[in-house]
Each structure stands twice: as C-alpha cells, then as structure tokens.
Amino acid sequence: MSKTDAAKAPRLADFLCFAVYSANLAYGRAYKPILEELGLTYTQWIIIVALWEEDGLSIKALGEKLFLESNTLTPILKKLEKDGYLERRRDPKDERQLVITLTEAGRALREKGGQRTLVAATGLDPEEFAQVQKTISKVRDNLIRHVEGA
C-alpha cells in the first residue's frame, strides 16, 4: 500500500463500531464502582432495570428485551433469585413458562442505582443525551434488521 493509499484508508477513530465499543467500555468502567457497591454485575443490573420497567416477564420476553439468549439468562436469574432480588415462578396460564418478578429487595435497588450520576458524567445536556440514546438505538435496530434480512 502506498503512502497516499494509507493516508486515505479509514483510521480506527473513523469507525462508528469502535466509537460504540469504546464508549461501552468507558460506561463499564464508570458503572463499576456503583455495581460493586450493589454487589451486581452489569448484566444482573440491566435485568433488574428491565423488570422495574415491566415486571412479570417470561424468560423469553426478558431475553428479547435485553438481546440475550435464555441459556445466558438462566444462570444469572438463578443467582439473582438466590440473592433475594427476584423470583422465578411457573406461569399459571402456561406451566412451561417461567415468569420473573422482582422482590421488595429488587425493587429497592432502584434508589441505589446511579443512572442520574452517569447521565451527568457523559457531559451531555438532557436533550443531547436523549438524542444520542435514540440514535444509537436506531443504529442497533437497523443493524439487527440488516442481519436478519441477510
């Protein structure tokens, strides 16, 4: 490759995927002290947040919401149940399904979260934050449609 071609080639900083990936790593570092204080992993945390939004989900519905497979969710849900944050029960309408509900301890974690702190830590005003979140979600959804259509 000539120097001219190399100069024209995309640089790492030009890749949106790298910007998203590295932002995710930065978020992980920012969340770390909050999650350590709560005794949770990030995946456990997003499960609890999803159940605050809509309690009583089946494992399948929860997995779809979080983009996780049931074989990934099951051990995490068992651990959260053992720790007293949620309960797994058979759905009376369909005994084959497990319904996941938060306990009082799981609901109480909302107050200990830290989302407001991390919103401020981004340096974005509320409107910018909302727009970035919508844009990233749109990119994710478009990529999923692209892959599923391939």
Protein backbone atom coordinates (compact mmCIF):
# COMPACT_ATOMS: atom_id res chain seq x y z
CA MET A 1 0.00 0.00 0.00
CA SER A 2 1.40 3.39 -0.95
CA LYS A 3 1.64 6.27 1.49
CA THR A 4 -1.20 8.02 -0.36
CA ASP A 5 -3.45 4.94 -0.07
CA ALA A 6 -2.55 4.54 3.59
CA ALA A 7 -3.39 8.19 4.24
CA LYS A 8 -6.82 7.71 2.60
CA ALA A 9 -7.61 4.48 4.46
CA PRO A 10 -10.10 4.80 7.32
CA ARG A 11 -8.50 5.26 10.69
CA LEU A 12 -9.71 3.48 13.82
CA ALA A 13 -11.31 6.70 15.05
CA ASP A 14 -13.41 6.80 11.83
CA PHE A 15 -15.23 3.55 12.67
CA LEU A 16 -18.61 4.02 14.36
CA CYS A 17 -18.38 0.45 15.65
CA PHE A 18 -15.18 1.37 17.50
CA ALA A 19 -16.75 4.51 18.95
CA VAL A 20 -19.68 2.43 20.26
CA TYR A 21 -17.39 -0.34 21.51
CA SER A 22 -15.03 2.03 23.32
CA ALA A 23 -17.97 4.03 24.77
CA ASN A 24 -19.35 0.73 26.09
CA LEU A 25 -16.01 0.02 27.77
CA ALA A 26 -15.99 3.52 29.28
CA TYR A 27 -19.53 3.01 30.57
CA GLY A 28 -18.44 -0.27 32.11
CA ARG A 29 -15.63 1.49 33.96
CA ALA A 30 -17.98 4.25 35.11
CA TYR A 31 -20.58 1.73 36.33
CA LYS A 32 -18.01 -0.45 38.09
CA PRO A 33 -17.96 1.31 41.50
CA ILE A 34 -21.75 1.60 41.54
CA LEU A 35 -22.23 -2.07 40.69
CA GLU A 36 -19.53 -3.21 43.12
CA GLU A 37 -21.34 -1.34 45.89
CA LEU A 38 -24.58 -3.10 44.92
CA GLY A 39 -22.82 -6.47 44.53
CA LEU A 40 -24.10 -6.85 40.96
CA THR A 41 -22.67 -7.42 37.51
CA TYR A 42 -23.77 -5.19 34.64
CA THR A 43 -25.92 -7.98 33.18
CA GLN A 44 -27.62 -8.52 36.55
CA TRP A 45 -28.20 -4.77 36.75
CA ILE A 46 -29.86 -4.48 33.32
CA ILE A 47 -32.09 -7.46 34.15
CA ILE A 48 -33.30 -5.66 37.28
CA VAL A 49 -33.77 -2.39 35.38
CA ALA A 50 -35.79 -4.21 32.70
CA LEU A 51 -38.01 -5.71 35.41
CA TRP A 52 -38.55 -2.28 37.00
CA GLU A 53 -39.89 -1.23 33.63
CA GLU A 54 -42.05 -4.32 33.15
CA ASP A 55 -42.23 -6.82 36.00
CA GLY A 56 -43.57 -10.32 35.48
CA LEU A 57 -41.85 -11.09 32.18
CA SER A 58 -41.26 -14.58 30.85
CA ILE A 59 -37.63 -15.60 30.33
CA LYS A 60 -38.24 -15.43 26.58
CA ALA A 61 -39.67 -11.87 26.74
CA LEU A 62 -36.88 -10.74 29.06
CA GLY A 63 -34.26 -12.22 26.73
CA GLU A 64 -35.79 -10.46 23.73
CA LYS A 65 -35.84 -7.15 25.60
CA LEU A 66 -32.16 -7.50 26.60
CA PHE A 67 -30.90 -9.21 23.42
CA LEU A 68 -29.82 -12.24 25.48
CA GLU A 69 -30.45 -15.96 24.97
CA SER A 70 -32.28 -17.95 27.64
CA ASN A 71 -29.22 -20.14 28.23
CA THR A 72 -27.31 -16.94 29.13
CA LEU A 73 -30.14 -15.59 31.30
CA THR A 74 -30.97 -18.71 33.31
CA PRO A 75 -27.82 -18.89 35.49
CA ILE A 76 -27.94 -15.13 36.08
CA LEU A 77 -31.61 -15.30 37.08
CA LYS A 78 -30.87 -18.20 39.45
CA LYS A 79 -28.14 -16.13 41.12
CA LEU A 80 -30.41 -13.07 41.43
CA GLU A 81 -33.10 -15.31 42.92
CA LYS A 82 -30.60 -16.81 45.40
CA ASP A 83 -29.57 -13.26 46.36
CA GLY A 84 -33.22 -12.37 47.02
CA TYR A 85 -33.76 -9.85 44.20
CA LEU A 86 -36.29 -11.78 42.13
CA GLU A 87 -38.48 -14.85 41.99
CA ARG A 88 -38.96 -17.34 39.18
CA ARG A 89 -42.40 -18.95 39.09
CA ARG A 90 -44.33 -21.11 36.68
CA ASP A 91 -46.89 -19.16 34.69
CA PRO A 92 -50.34 -20.41 35.78
CA LYS A 93 -51.57 -19.85 32.20
CA ASP A 94 -48.73 -21.90 30.70
CA GLU A 95 -46.80 -24.18 33.06
CA ARG A 96 -43.96 -24.45 30.53
CA GLN A 97 -43.09 -20.77 31.01
CA LEU A 98 -41.25 -19.19 33.92
CA VAL A 99 -42.33 -15.70 34.95
CA ILE A 100 -39.74 -13.43 36.55
CA THR A 101 -40.84 -10.93 39.21
CA LEU A 102 -38.86 -8.62 41.45
CA THR A 103 -38.93 -8.94 45.20
CA GLU A 104 -39.02 -5.93 47.51
CA ALA A 105 -35.21 -6.09 47.64
CA GLY A 106 -35.05 -5.99 43.84
CA ARG A 107 -37.39 -3.00 43.68
CA ALA A 108 -35.38 -1.23 46.41
CA LEU A 109 -32.24 -1.27 44.23
CA ARG A 110 -33.81 1.49 42.12
CA GLU A 111 -32.94 4.06 44.78
CA LYS A 112 -29.32 2.91 44.95
CA GLY A 113 -28.74 2.95 41.17
CA GLY A 114 -26.61 5.75 39.85
CA GLN A 115 -28.14 6.38 36.43
CA ARG A 116 -28.51 10.10 37.16
CA THR A 117 -24.84 10.34 38.10
CA LEU A 118 -23.77 8.64 34.89
CA VAL A 119 -26.07 10.77 32.74
CA ALA A 120 -24.30 13.83 34.17
CA ALA A 121 -20.91 12.15 33.73
CA THR A 122 -21.44 11.99 29.94
CA GLY A 123 -21.22 15.78 29.81
CA LEU A 124 -24.34 15.89 27.64
CA ASP A 125 -27.34 18.03 28.45
CA PRO A 126 -30.62 16.10 28.81
CA GLU A 127 -31.71 16.78 25.21
CA GLU A 128 -28.35 15.71 23.77
CA PHE A 129 -28.34 12.59 25.94
CA ALA A 130 -31.82 11.62 24.73
CA GLN A 131 -30.85 12.20 21.09
CA VAL A 132 -27.66 10.14 21.34
CA GLN A 133 -29.57 7.30 23.02
CA LYS A 134 -32.23 7.36 20.26
CA THR A 135 -29.61 7.45 17.52
CA ILE A 136 -27.63 4.51 18.94
CA SER A 137 -30.85 2.53 19.38
CA LYS A 138 -31.78 3.28 15.76
CA VAL A 139 -28.35 2.09 14.57
CA ARG A 140 -28.73 -1.12 16.64
CA ASP A 141 -32.23 -1.81 15.30
CA ASN A 142 -31.17 -1.16 11.70
CA LEU A 143 -28.18 -3.49 12.06
CA ILE A 144 -30.40 -6.23 13.52
CA ARG A 145 -32.83 -5.86 10.60
CA HIS A 146 -29.90 -5.97 8.17
CA VAL A 147 -28.53 -9.19 9.66
CA GLU A 148 -31.96 -10.83 9.87
CA GLY A 149 -32.67 -9.89 6.25
CA ALA A 150 -29.35 -11.31 5.02
